[in-house]
C-alpha atoms as a PDB file:
ATOM      1  CA  MET A   1     -22.781  69.043  23.240  1.00  0.00           C
ATOM      2  CA  LYS A   2     -21.417  71.316  20.738  1.00  0.00           C
ATOM      3  CA  HIS A   3     -23.747  72.866  17.950  1.00  0.00           C
ATOM      4  CA  ILE A   4     -22.147  72.115  14.355  1.00  0.00           C
ATOM      5  CA  LEU A   5     -21.893  75.691  13.841  1.00  0.00           C
ATOM      6  CA  ASP A   6     -19.903  76.632  17.106  1.00  0.00           C
ATOM      7  CA  GLY A   7     -18.017  73.445  17.223  1.00  0.00           C
ATOM      8  CA  TYR A   8     -16.882  72.516  13.789  1.00  0.00           C
ATOM      9  CA  LYS A   9     -14.121  74.702  11.627  1.00  0.00           C
ATOM     10  CA  LYS A  10     -15.373  74.393   8.048  1.00  0.00           C
ATOM     11  CA  GLU A  11     -12.457  75.156   5.796  1.00  0.00           C
ATOM     12  CA  LYS A  12     -13.176  73.322   2.443  1.00  0.00           C
ATOM     13  CA  ASP A  13     -16.334  73.421   0.453  1.00  0.00           C
ATOM     14  CA  TRP A  14     -18.389  70.581   1.264  1.00  0.00           C
ATOM     15  CA  LEU A  15     -19.581  67.749  -1.285  1.00  0.00           C
ATOM     16  CA  ILE A  16     -22.559  65.699  -0.051  1.00  0.00           C
ATOM     17  CA  VAL A  17     -22.736  62.130  -1.048  1.00  0.00           C
ATOM     18  CA  GLY A  18     -25.859  60.015  -1.082  1.00  0.00           C
ATOM     19  CA  LYS A  19     -26.977  56.473  -1.884  1.00  0.00           C
ATOM     20  CA  GLY A  20     -28.030  57.326  -5.329  1.00  0.00           C
ATOM     21  CA  LYS A  21     -26.698  55.691  -8.420  1.00  0.00           C
ATOM     22  CA  SER A  22     -24.237  58.485  -9.052  1.00  0.00           C
ATOM     23  CA  SER A  23     -22.573  57.963  -5.638  1.00  0.00           C
ATOM     24  CA  GLU A  24     -20.580  55.190  -7.867  1.00  0.00           C
ATOM     25  CA  ARG A  25     -18.610  58.179  -9.400  1.00  0.00           C
ATOM     26  CA  TYR A  26     -17.055  59.121  -6.021  1.00  0.00           C
ATOM     27  CA  THR A  27     -13.626  58.663  -6.126  1.00  0.00           C
ATOM     28  CA  GLU A  28     -11.042  59.187  -2.886  1.00  0.00           C
ATOM     29  CA  LYS A  29      -9.366  61.779  -4.972  1.00  0.00           C
ATOM     30  CA  LEU A  30     -12.038  64.092  -4.337  1.00  0.00           C
ATOM     31  CA  LYS A  31     -11.016  64.710  -0.708  1.00  0.00           C
ATOM     32  CA  GLU A  32      -8.578  67.074  -2.284  1.00  0.00           C
ATOM     33  CA  LYS A  33     -11.068  69.624  -2.935  1.00  0.00           C
ATOM     34  CA  TYR A  34     -13.384  68.809  -0.955  1.00  0.00           C
ATOM     35  CA  THR A  35     -14.739  67.865   2.871  1.00  0.00           C
ATOM     36  CA  ILE A  36     -16.674  64.746   2.222  1.00  0.00           C
ATOM     37  CA  VAL A  37     -20.119  64.718   3.864  1.00  0.00           C
ATOM     38  CA  GLY A  38     -21.834  61.365   3.482  1.00  0.00           C
ATOM     39  CA  ILE A  39     -25.494  60.831   4.247  1.00  0.00           C
ATOM     40  CA  ASN A  40     -26.610  57.804   6.447  1.00  0.00           C
ATOM     41  CA  GLN A  41     -24.743  54.909   4.822  1.00  0.00           C
ATOM     42  CA  ALA A  42     -23.067  56.805   2.402  1.00  0.00           C
ATOM     43  CA  SER A  43     -20.601  57.865   5.265  1.00  0.00           C
ATOM     44  CA  GLU A  44     -19.118  54.270   5.404  1.00  0.00           C
ATOM     45  CA  TYR A  45     -19.576  53.624   1.562  1.00  0.00           C
ATOM     46  CA  CYS A  46     -16.894  57.043   0.989  1.00  0.00           C
ATOM     47  CA  LYS A  47     -15.570  57.078   4.108  1.00  0.00           C
ATOM     48  CA  ALA A  48     -16.632  60.405   4.224  1.00  0.00           C
ATOM     49  CA  ASP A  49     -14.964  63.364   6.510  1.00  0.00           C
ATOM     50  CA  ILE A  50     -18.223  63.768   8.145  1.00  0.00           C
ATOM     51  CA  GLY A  51     -21.273  61.467   8.507  1.00  0.00           C
ATOM     52  CA  MET A  52     -24.704  63.247   8.518  1.00  0.00           C
ATOM     53  CA  PHE A  53     -27.535  61.664  10.286  1.00  0.00           C
ATOM     54  CA  ILE A  54     -31.062  62.400  11.170  1.00  0.00           C
ATOM     55  CA  ASP A  55     -32.195  58.092  11.971  1.00  0.00           C
ATOM     56  CA  TYR A  56     -30.100  56.889  14.840  1.00  0.00           C
ATOM     57  CA  GLU A  57     -31.127  53.131  13.242  1.00  0.00           C
ATOM     58  CA  ALA A  58     -29.117  54.486  10.440  1.00  0.00           C
ATOM     59  CA  PHE A  59     -26.441  55.739  12.578  1.00  0.00           C
ATOM     60  CA  LEU A  60     -26.326  52.006  14.424  1.00  0.00           C
ATOM     61  CA  GLY A  61     -26.079  49.943  10.673  1.00  0.00           C
ATOM     62  CA  THR A  62     -22.643  51.915  10.288  1.00  0.00           C
ATOM     63  CA  SER A  63     -19.160  51.228  11.100  1.00  0.00           C
ATOM     64  CA  LEU A  64     -16.034  53.293  10.712  1.00  0.00           C
ATOM     65  CA  ILE A  65     -17.600  56.177  12.148  1.00  0.00           C
ATOM     66  CA  LEU A  66     -14.852  56.449  14.918  1.00  0.00           C
ATOM     67  CA  GLU A  67     -13.003  57.795  12.286  1.00  0.00           C
ATOM     68  CA  GLN A  68     -15.015  60.534  11.338  1.00  0.00           C
ATOM     69  CA  ILE A  69     -16.877  63.469  12.881  1.00  0.00           C
ATOM     70  CA  VAL A  70     -20.406  63.109  12.924  1.00  0.00           C
ATOM     71  CA  VAL A  71     -23.588  65.220  13.049  1.00  0.00           C
ATOM     72  CA  MET A  72     -26.827  64.150  14.448  1.00  0.00           C
ATOM     73  CA  PRO A  73     -30.137  66.190  15.555  1.00  0.00           C
ATOM     74  CA  TYR A  74     -30.242  66.847  19.441  1.00  0.00           C
ATOM     75  CA  VAL A  75     -33.320  64.568  19.551  1.00  0.00           C
ATOM     76  CA  PRO A  76     -32.312  61.905  16.488  1.00  0.00           C
ATOM     77  CA  HIS A  77     -35.577  60.259  14.789  1.00  0.00           C
ATOM     78  CA  TRP A  78     -36.174  56.792  15.331  1.00  0.00           C
ATOM     79  CA  ARG A  79     -37.986  54.684  12.295  1.00  0.00           C
ATOM     80  CA  GLU A  80     -38.524  58.577  10.593  1.00  0.00           C
ATOM     81  CA  LYS A  81     -40.307  59.993  13.905  1.00  0.00           C
ATOM     82  CA  PRO A  82     -38.737  62.119  16.457  1.00  0.00           C
ATOM     83  CA  SER A  83     -37.295  59.885  19.100  1.00  0.00           C
ATOM     84  CA  SER A  84     -38.275  59.788  22.881  1.00  0.00           C
ATOM     85  CA  GLY A  85     -34.723  60.596  23.939  1.00  0.00           C
ATOM     86  CA  ASN A  86     -32.025  63.264  23.277  1.00  0.00           C
ATOM     87  CA  ILE A  87     -28.410  62.394  22.122  1.00  0.00           C
ATOM     88  CA  GLU A  88     -26.910  62.667  25.442  1.00  0.00           C
ATOM     89  CA  LYS A  89     -29.004  59.839  26.893  1.00  0.00           C
ATOM     90  CA  TYR A  90     -27.981  58.103  23.995  1.00  0.00           C
ATOM     91  CA  MET A  91     -24.358  58.376  24.764  1.00  0.00           C
ATOM     92  CA  GLN A  92     -25.102  56.846  28.185  1.00  0.00           C
ATOM     93  CA  PHE A  93     -25.579  53.019  26.585  1.00  0.00           C
ATOM     94  CA  ASP A  94     -23.809  53.627  23.217  1.00  0.00           C
ATOM     95  CA  PRO A  95     -20.198  53.470  23.446  1.00  0.00           C
ATOM     96  CA  ARG A  96     -19.436  54.740  19.691  1.00  0.00           C
ATOM     97  CA  LEU A  97     -21.630  58.105  20.574  1.00  0.00           C
ATOM     98  CA  ARG A  98     -19.577  58.646  23.781  1.00  0.00           C
ATOM     99  CA  ARG A  99     -16.128  58.217  22.334  1.00  0.00           C
ATOM    100  CA  LEU A 100     -17.213  60.352  19.393  1.00  0.00           C
ATOM    101  CA  TYR A 101     -17.906  62.859  21.949  1.00  0.00           C
ATOM    102  CA  GLU A 102     -15.084  62.540  23.923  1.00  0.00           C
ATOM    103  CA  LYS A 103     -12.720  63.163  20.930  1.00  0.00           C
ATOM    104  CA  GLU A 104     -14.621  66.361  19.999  1.00  0.00           C
ATOM    105  CA  ARG A 105     -16.160  64.743  17.032  1.00  0.00           C
ATOM    106  CA  LEU A 106     -19.610  64.422  17.487  1.00  0.00           C
ATOM    107  CA  PHE A 107     -21.759  67.764  17.055  1.00  0.00           C
ATOM    108  CA  SER A 108     -25.713  68.515  16.794  1.00  0.00           C
ATOM    109  CA  TYR A 109     -28.450  71.097  16.022  1.00  0.00           C
ATOM    110  CA  ASP A 110     -32.116  71.359  16.752  1.00  0.00           C
ATOM    111  CA  LEU A 111     -34.386  70.067  13.438  1.00  0.00           C
ATOM    112  CA  ARG A 112     -37.530  71.414  12.417  1.00  0.00           C
ATOM    113  CA  THR A 113     -39.411  68.350  13.744  1.00  0.00           C
ATOM    114  CA  TYR A 114     -39.212  68.422  17.641  1.00  0.00           C
ATOM    115  CA  PRO A 115     -40.697  71.827  19.422  1.00  0.00           C
ATOM    116  CA  LYS A 116     -38.535  72.238  22.156  1.00  0.00           C
ATOM    117  CA  LEU A 117     -35.073  73.647  21.473  1.00  0.00           C
ATOM    118  CA  HIS A 118     -31.727  72.557  22.947  1.00  0.00           C
ATOM    119  CA  PHE A 119     -29.518  75.799  20.865  1.00  0.00           C
ATOM    120  CA  LYS A 120     -32.004  78.269  21.537  1.00  0.00           C
ATOM    121  CA  ASP A 121     -29.475  81.002  19.561  1.00  0.00           C
ATOM    122  CA  LYS A 122     -28.858  79.037  16.681  1.00  0.00           C
ATOM    123  CA  PRO A 123     -30.878  78.413  13.658  1.00  0.00           C
ATOM    124  CA  VAL A 124     -33.234  75.596  13.113  1.00  0.00           C
ATOM    125  CA  ILE A 125     -32.398  73.098  10.601  1.00  0.00           C
ATOM    126  CA  GLN A 126     -34.805  72.420   8.118  1.00  0.00           C
ATOM    127  CA  ALA A 127     -35.370  68.529   6.827  1.00  0.00           C
ATOM    128  CA  HIS A 128     -38.978  67.836   5.729  1.00  0.00           C
ATOM    129  CA  VAL A 129     -37.801  64.416   3.388  1.00  0.00           C
ATOM    130  CA  SER A 130     -34.457  63.901   3.764  1.00  0.00           C
ATOM    131  CA  THR A 131     -31.389  64.248   5.881  1.00  0.00           C
ATOM    132  CA  THR A 132     -29.497  65.438   2.676  1.00  0.00           C
ATOM    133  CA  GLU A 133     -31.836  68.916   3.371  1.00  0.00           C
ATOM    134  CA  ALA A 134     -29.949  69.296   6.537  1.00  0.00           C
ATOM    135  CA  ALA A 135     -26.916  68.910   5.005  1.00  0.00           C
ATOM    136  CA  ILE A 136     -27.544  71.667   2.305  1.00  0.00           C
ATOM    137  CA  HIS A 137     -29.006  73.785   4.808  1.00  0.00           C
ATOM    138  CA  ILE A 138     -26.205  73.469   7.377  1.00  0.00           C
ATOM    139  CA  ALA A 139     -23.741  74.095   4.112  1.00  0.00           C
ATOM    140  CA  ALA A 140     -25.526  77.091   3.764  1.00  0.00           C
ATOM    141  CA  LEU A 141     -25.211  78.532   7.372  1.00  0.00           C
ATOM    142  CA  PHE A 142     -21.473  78.026   6.641  1.00  0.00           C
ATOM    143  CA  GLY A 143     -21.718  80.638   3.572  1.00  0.00           C
ATOM    144  CA  GLN A 144     -21.175  78.275   1.106  1.00  0.00           C
ATOM    145  CA  LYS A 145     -23.130  79.389  -2.046  1.00  0.00           C
ATOM    146  CA  VAL A 146     -22.463  76.887  -4.452  1.00  0.00           C
ATOM    147  CA  ILE A 147     -23.006  72.840  -3.198  1.00  0.00           C
ATOM    148  CA  LYS A 148     -22.016  69.949  -5.033  1.00  0.00           C
ATOM    149  CA  THR A 149     -23.668  66.488  -4.936  1.00  0.00           C
ATOM    150  CA  LEU A 150     -23.078  62.671  -5.810  1.00  0.00           C
ATOM    151  CA  GLY A 151     -25.733  60.048  -5.181  1.00  0.00           C
ATOM    152  CA  VAL A 152     -28.493  62.711  -4.794  1.00  0.00           C
ATOM    153  CA  ASP A 153     -30.704  61.350  -7.745  1.00  0.00           C
ATOM    154  CA  GLY A 154     -34.392  61.458  -6.239  1.00  0.00           C
ATOM    155  CA  GLY A 155     -36.411  58.422  -7.048  1.00  0.00           C
ATOM    156  CA  PHE A 156     -36.022  54.636  -5.649  1.00  0.00           C
ATOM    157  CA  GLY A 157     -32.734  54.178  -7.587  1.00  0.00           C
ATOM    158  CA  ARG A 158     -29.703  53.222  -5.275  1.00  0.00           C
ATOM    159  CA  ALA A 159     -25.918  52.730  -6.148  1.00  0.00           C
ATOM    160  CA  ASP A 160     -25.276  48.788  -5.653  1.00  0.00           C
ATOM    161  CA  GLY A 161     -23.426  49.221  -2.521  1.00  0.00           C
ATOM    162  CA  PHE A 162     -27.101  50.316  -1.003  1.00  0.00           C
ATOM    163  CA  LYS A 163     -29.110  48.061  -2.535  1.00  0.00           C
ATOM    164  CA  ASN A 164     -30.000  46.742   1.264  1.00  0.00           C
ATOM    165  CA  CYS A 165     -30.298  49.913   2.568  1.00  0.00           C
ATOM    166  CA  TYR A 166     -34.040  50.237   1.708  1.00  0.00           C
ATOM    167  CA  ARG A 167     -36.705  50.953   4.436  1.00  0.00           C
ATOM    168  CA  GLU A 168     -40.265  49.433   4.493  1.00  0.00           C
ATOM    169  CA  ASN A 169     -42.751  51.611   2.667  1.00  0.00           C
ATOM    170  CA  GLU A 170     -40.422  53.765   1.327  1.00  0.00           C
ATOM    171  CA  LEU A 171     -41.400  56.518  -0.598  1.00  0.00           C
ATOM    172  CA  PRO A 172     -39.243  58.179  -3.515  1.00  0.00           C
ATOM    173  CA  TYR A 173     -36.735  60.718  -2.902  1.00  0.00           C
ATOM    174  CA  ASP A 174     -38.213  63.143  -5.507  1.00  0.00           C
ATOM    175  CA  GLU A 175     -40.059  65.249  -2.917  1.00  0.00           C
ATOM    176  CA  GLN A 176     -36.595  66.200  -1.819  1.00  0.00           C
ATOM    177  CA  PHE A 177     -36.063  68.402  -4.383  1.00  0.00           C
ATOM    178  CA  ALA A 178     -38.947  70.761  -3.457  1.00  0.00           C
ATOM    179  CA  TRP A 179     -37.396  71.501  -0.518  1.00  0.00           C
ATOM    180  CA  ILE A 180     -33.732  71.924  -1.700  1.00  0.00           C
ATOM    181  CA  ILE A 181     -35.034  74.757  -4.380  1.00  0.00           C
ATOM    182  CA  LEU A 182     -36.802  76.546  -1.501  1.00  0.00           C
ATOM    183  CA  LEU A 183     -33.214  76.678   0.760  1.00  0.00           C
ATOM    184  CA  CYS A 184     -31.518  77.547  -2.468  1.00  0.00           C
ATOM    185  CA  LYS A 185     -34.297  80.566  -2.907  1.00  0.00           C
ATOM    186  CA  LYS A 186     -33.620  81.383   0.487  1.00  0.00           C
ATOM    187  CA  TYR A 187     -29.766  81.642   0.790  1.00  0.00           C
ATOM    188  CA  GLY A 188     -28.972  81.990  -2.931  1.00  0.00           C
ATOM    189  CA  LEU A 189     -27.759  78.621  -3.302  1.00  0.00           C
ATOM    190  CA  ILE A 190     -26.913  76.958  -6.219  1.00  0.00           C
ATOM    191  CA  VAL A 191     -26.915  72.814  -5.520  1.00  0.00           C
ATOM    192  CA  GLU A 192     -26.276  70.848  -8.412  1.00  0.00           C
ATOM    193  CA  PRO A 193     -24.150  67.307  -9.039  1.00  0.00           C
ATOM    194  CA  LEU A 194     -20.954  67.244  -9.471  1.00  0.00           C
ATOM    195  CA  GLU A 195     -19.412  66.074 -13.138  1.00  0.00           C
ATOM    196  CA  VAL A 196     -16.653  63.799 -12.588  1.00  0.00           C
ATOM    197  CA  SER A 197     -14.544  63.113 -15.488  1.00  0.00           C
ATOM    198  CA  LYS A 198     -13.932  59.086 -16.173  1.00  0.00           C
END
């Protein structure tokens, strides 16, 4: 299993697309300038170049994945907590993960929520509230200083295509911004919504 920093060659700046209302401004034309990183179900919505997941059940709930690169913690979450197995164990019974791995389109990293590290020579990725934090942290480690987003809006709002993506007892996503600010301070980042002309 290759770490994302070792196995993936970053060529264009990442545009991170979440499920918030502003993701409705996404157009295919943006792929000309950006590598599109879709957060969970947004990876299917915008046919992203990269699908970013922390929760394994979010991966299970998407399709079109075999056309994309997938990035997931070495120990994925299940129902928002570290699962009992690692990604290599999941590959044994998940043919999509196995095919992605065989095509060298599956990459991983260590997430802060699991204390036993697999990639001992790599930074531990920080994500406290949302997968978006992990995507921003990884983009920063690749050296990207200005990170644009769509659909990273906070609150409970969702684009119309994601109305069925709420989880039980889900909290608003405003808390993620405090952690994103900390990443900005640590790496000297500017994280801001993309202005899309109509």
